Amino acid sequence: MSNSWDKYFSHYSDWDDAHCFNVRLELKFEGEIKRLGYVEYVNANDIFILENEISSKTFPKSKTYTKNKNEIKISFEVPYDWSIDTDWEDKALVLLGLSEEWVIDSSVEDN
């Protein structure tokens, strides 16, 4: 089964390490986010294996989300040509499989 970010990462190949694309989503759509393949980010310091050993495994940034009591946040790498295309954010959301209805806002920010 493909994940929602597969089209995004196959469409772009040259990444701008100085920026990231942040998407804030309404918390009530957490089930839909999980169905797309995302998992909630858990800090490695908070993960314990059955033998009470701390696991150092965490998930890559673009495949996880964080949440607070009001919203979900997902961050993605940004392609170099993001600033050239005036409606790049809208195209990115479509490639990521994120419905416009779920999105509170999105923005490209400095890393």
C-alpha atoms as a PDB file:
ATOM      1  CA  MET A   1       0.000   0.000   0.000  1.00  0.00           C
ATOM      2  CA  SER A   2       1.358   3.412  -0.921  1.00  0.00           C
ATOM      3  CA  ASN A   3       1.585   6.272   1.548  1.00  0.00           C
ATOM      4  CA  SER A   4       0.250   9.768   0.983  1.00  0.00           C
ATOM      5  CA  TRP A   5       3.736  11.275   0.706  1.00  0.00           C
ATOM      6  CA  ASP A   6       4.939   8.888  -2.046  1.00  0.00           C
ATOM      7  CA  LYS A   7       3.688  11.097  -4.922  1.00  0.00           C
ATOM      8  CA  TYR A   8       5.270  14.184  -3.341  1.00  0.00           C
ATOM      9  CA  PHE A   9       8.694  12.607  -2.936  1.00  0.00           C
ATOM     10  CA  SER A  10       8.625  11.030  -6.405  1.00  0.00           C
ATOM     11  CA  HIS A  11       7.553  14.335  -8.014  1.00  0.00           C
ATOM     12  CA  TYR A  12      10.399  16.384  -6.501  1.00  0.00           C
ATOM     13  CA  SER A  13      14.018  15.352  -6.207  1.00  0.00           C
ATOM     14  CA  ASP A  14      16.145  18.393  -5.366  1.00  0.00           C
ATOM     15  CA  TRP A  15      15.608  19.612  -1.792  1.00  0.00           C
ATOM     16  CA  ASP A  16      16.132  22.982  -0.121  1.00  0.00           C
ATOM     17  CA  ASP A  17      17.714  22.154   3.237  1.00  0.00           C
ATOM     18  CA  ALA A  18      17.247  25.726   4.500  1.00  0.00           C
ATOM     19  CA  HIS A  19      13.431  25.525   4.515  1.00  0.00           C
ATOM     20  CA  CYS A  20      10.603  23.235   5.572  1.00  0.00           C
ATOM     21  CA  PHE A  21       6.926  23.024   4.642  1.00  0.00           C
ATOM     22  CA  ASN A  22       4.723  22.984   7.736  1.00  0.00           C
ATOM     23  CA  VAL A  23       1.084  21.971   7.602  1.00  0.00           C
ATOM     24  CA  ARG A  24      -1.307  22.483  10.513  1.00  0.00           C
ATOM     25  CA  LEU A  25      -4.384  20.255  10.466  1.00  0.00           C
ATOM     26  CA  GLU A  26      -7.566  20.097  12.502  1.00  0.00           C
ATOM     27  CA  LEU A  27      -7.303  17.528  15.284  1.00  0.00           C
ATOM     28  CA  LYS A  28     -10.674  15.980  14.395  1.00  0.00           C
ATOM     29  CA  PHE A  29      -9.068  14.572  11.214  1.00  0.00           C
ATOM     30  CA  GLU A  30      -6.440  12.494  13.034  1.00  0.00           C
ATOM     31  CA  GLY A  31      -8.087   9.249  11.862  1.00  0.00           C
ATOM     32  CA  GLU A  32      -7.784  10.327   8.235  1.00  0.00           C
ATOM     33  CA  ILE A  33      -4.127  11.258   8.759  1.00  0.00           C
ATOM     34  CA  LYS A  34      -3.426   7.801  10.198  1.00  0.00           C
ATOM     35  CA  ARG A  35      -5.182   6.151   7.230  1.00  0.00           C
ATOM     36  CA  LEU A  36      -2.778   8.014   4.935  1.00  0.00           C
ATOM     37  CA  GLY A  37       0.138   6.262   6.639  1.00  0.00           C
ATOM     38  CA  TYR A  38       1.274   8.810   9.212  1.00  0.00           C
ATOM     39  CA  VAL A  39       2.038   7.828  12.785  1.00  0.00           C
ATOM     40  CA  GLU A  40       2.243  10.068  15.809  1.00  0.00           C
ATOM     41  CA  TYR A  41       5.810  11.110  16.600  1.00  0.00           C
ATOM     42  CA  VAL A  42       6.980   9.838  19.956  1.00  0.00           C
ATOM     43  CA  ASN A  43      10.170  11.196  21.480  1.00  0.00           C
ATOM     44  CA  ALA A  44      12.805   8.455  21.741  1.00  0.00           C
ATOM     45  CA  ASN A  45      13.251   9.328  25.420  1.00  0.00           C
ATOM     46  CA  ASP A  46       9.640   8.295  26.006  1.00  0.00           C
ATOM     47  CA  ILE A  47       9.807   4.884  24.278  1.00  0.00           C
ATOM     48  CA  PHE A  48      10.446   1.795  26.395  1.00  0.00           C
ATOM     49  CA  ILE A  49      10.857  -1.744  25.118  1.00  0.00           C
ATOM     50  CA  LEU A  50       9.515  -4.655  27.156  1.00  0.00           C
ATOM     51  CA  GLU A  51      12.900  -5.175  28.825  1.00  0.00           C
ATOM     52  CA  ASN A  52      12.716  -1.541  30.022  1.00  0.00           C
ATOM     53  CA  GLU A  53      15.421  -0.468  27.606  1.00  0.00           C
ATOM     54  CA  ILE A  54      15.070   2.880  25.896  1.00  0.00           C
ATOM     55  CA  SER A  55      14.681   2.571  22.143  1.00  0.00           C
ATOM     56  CA  SER A  56      16.594   5.100  20.089  1.00  0.00           C
ATOM     57  CA  LYS A  57      14.345   4.572  17.063  1.00  0.00           C
ATOM     58  CA  THR A  58      12.215   7.475  15.901  1.00  0.00           C
ATOM     59  CA  PHE A  59      10.368   7.968  12.652  1.00  0.00           C
ATOM     60  CA  PRO A  60      11.535  10.250   9.834  1.00  0.00           C
ATOM     61  CA  LYS A  61      10.126  13.777  10.005  1.00  0.00           C
ATOM     62  CA  SER A  62       7.831  13.602   6.969  1.00  0.00           C
ATOM     63  CA  LYS A  63       6.117  10.378   7.981  1.00  0.00           C
ATOM     64  CA  THR A  64       5.058  11.446  11.444  1.00  0.00           C
ATOM     65  CA  TYR A  65       2.883  14.086  12.998  1.00  0.00           C
ATOM     66  CA  THR A  66       2.867  15.869  16.301  1.00  0.00           C
ATOM     67  CA  LYS A  67      -0.252  17.046  18.044  1.00  0.00           C
ATOM     68  CA  ASN A  68      -1.392  19.160  20.903  1.00  0.00           C
ATOM     69  CA  LYS A  69      -4.897  19.635  22.287  1.00  0.00           C
ATOM     70  CA  ASN A  70      -5.888  21.859  19.338  1.00  0.00           C
ATOM     71  CA  GLU A  71      -4.152  20.672  16.168  1.00  0.00           C
ATOM     72  CA  ILE A  72      -1.889  18.282  14.280  1.00  0.00           C
ATOM     73  CA  LYS A  73       1.358  19.420  12.659  1.00  0.00           C
ATOM     74  CA  ILE A  74       3.267  17.699   9.859  1.00  0.00           C
ATOM     75  CA  SER A  75       6.528  19.013   8.383  1.00  0.00           C
ATOM     76  CA  PHE A  76       8.015  18.171   5.004  1.00  0.00           C
ATOM     77  CA  GLU A  77      11.150  18.841   3.052  1.00  0.00           C
ATOM     78  CA  VAL A  78      10.826  21.601   0.445  1.00  0.00           C
ATOM     79  CA  PRO A  79      12.004  21.401  -3.175  1.00  0.00           C
ATOM     80  CA  TYR A  80      14.348  24.141  -4.416  1.00  0.00           C
ATOM     81  CA  ASP A  81      11.816  25.504  -6.911  1.00  0.00           C
ATOM     82  CA  TRP A  82       9.063  26.109  -4.306  1.00  0.00           C
ATOM     83  CA  SER A  83       9.459  29.912  -4.459  1.00  0.00           C
ATOM     84  CA  ILE A  84       9.131  30.058  -8.256  1.00  0.00           C
ATOM     85  CA  ASP A  85       5.679  28.466  -8.425  1.00  0.00           C
ATOM     86  CA  THR A  86       3.028  30.821  -6.990  1.00  0.00           C
ATOM     87  CA  ASP A  87       0.591  28.023  -6.109  1.00  0.00           C
ATOM     88  CA  TRP A  88       3.224  25.526  -5.006  1.00  0.00           C
ATOM     89  CA  GLU A  89       1.651  24.972  -1.551  1.00  0.00           C
ATOM     90  CA  ASP A  90      -1.712  23.998  -3.063  1.00  0.00           C
ATOM     91  CA  LYS A  91      -0.012  21.537  -5.430  1.00  0.00           C
ATOM     92  CA  ALA A  92       2.059  20.112  -2.566  1.00  0.00           C
ATOM     93  CA  LEU A  93      -1.057  19.473  -0.463  1.00  0.00           C
ATOM     94  CA  VAL A  94      -2.658  17.589  -3.364  1.00  0.00           C
ATOM     95  CA  LEU A  95       0.504  15.509  -3.929  1.00  0.00           C
ATOM     96  CA  LEU A  96       0.592  14.734  -0.200  1.00  0.00           C
ATOM     97  CA  GLY A  97      -3.033  13.572  -0.240  1.00  0.00           C
ATOM     98  CA  LEU A  98      -4.082  16.159   2.346  1.00  0.00           C
ATOM     99  CA  SER A  99      -7.619  17.444   1.906  1.00  0.00           C
ATOM    100  CA  GLU A 100      -8.069  21.208   1.896  1.00  0.00           C
ATOM    101  CA  GLU A 101     -10.920  20.703   4.391  1.00  0.00           C
ATOM    102  CA  TRP A 102      -8.460  19.340   7.007  1.00  0.00           C
ATOM    103  CA  VAL A 103      -5.906  22.144   6.701  1.00  0.00           C
ATOM    104  CA  ILE A 104      -5.845  25.054   9.136  1.00  0.00           C
ATOM    105  CA  ASP A 105      -2.880  26.606   7.346  1.00  0.00           C
ATOM    106  CA  SER A 106       0.407  25.792   5.675  1.00  0.00           C
ATOM    107  CA  SER A 107       3.630  27.693   5.230  1.00  0.00           C
ATOM    108  CA  VAL A 108       7.233  27.421   4.166  1.00  0.00           C
ATOM    109  CA  GLU A 109       9.583  28.426   6.979  1.00  0.00           C
ATOM    110  CA  ASP A 110      13.297  28.593   7.660  1.00  0.00           C
ATOM    111  CA  ASN A 111      14.813  25.512   9.267  1.00  0.00           C
END
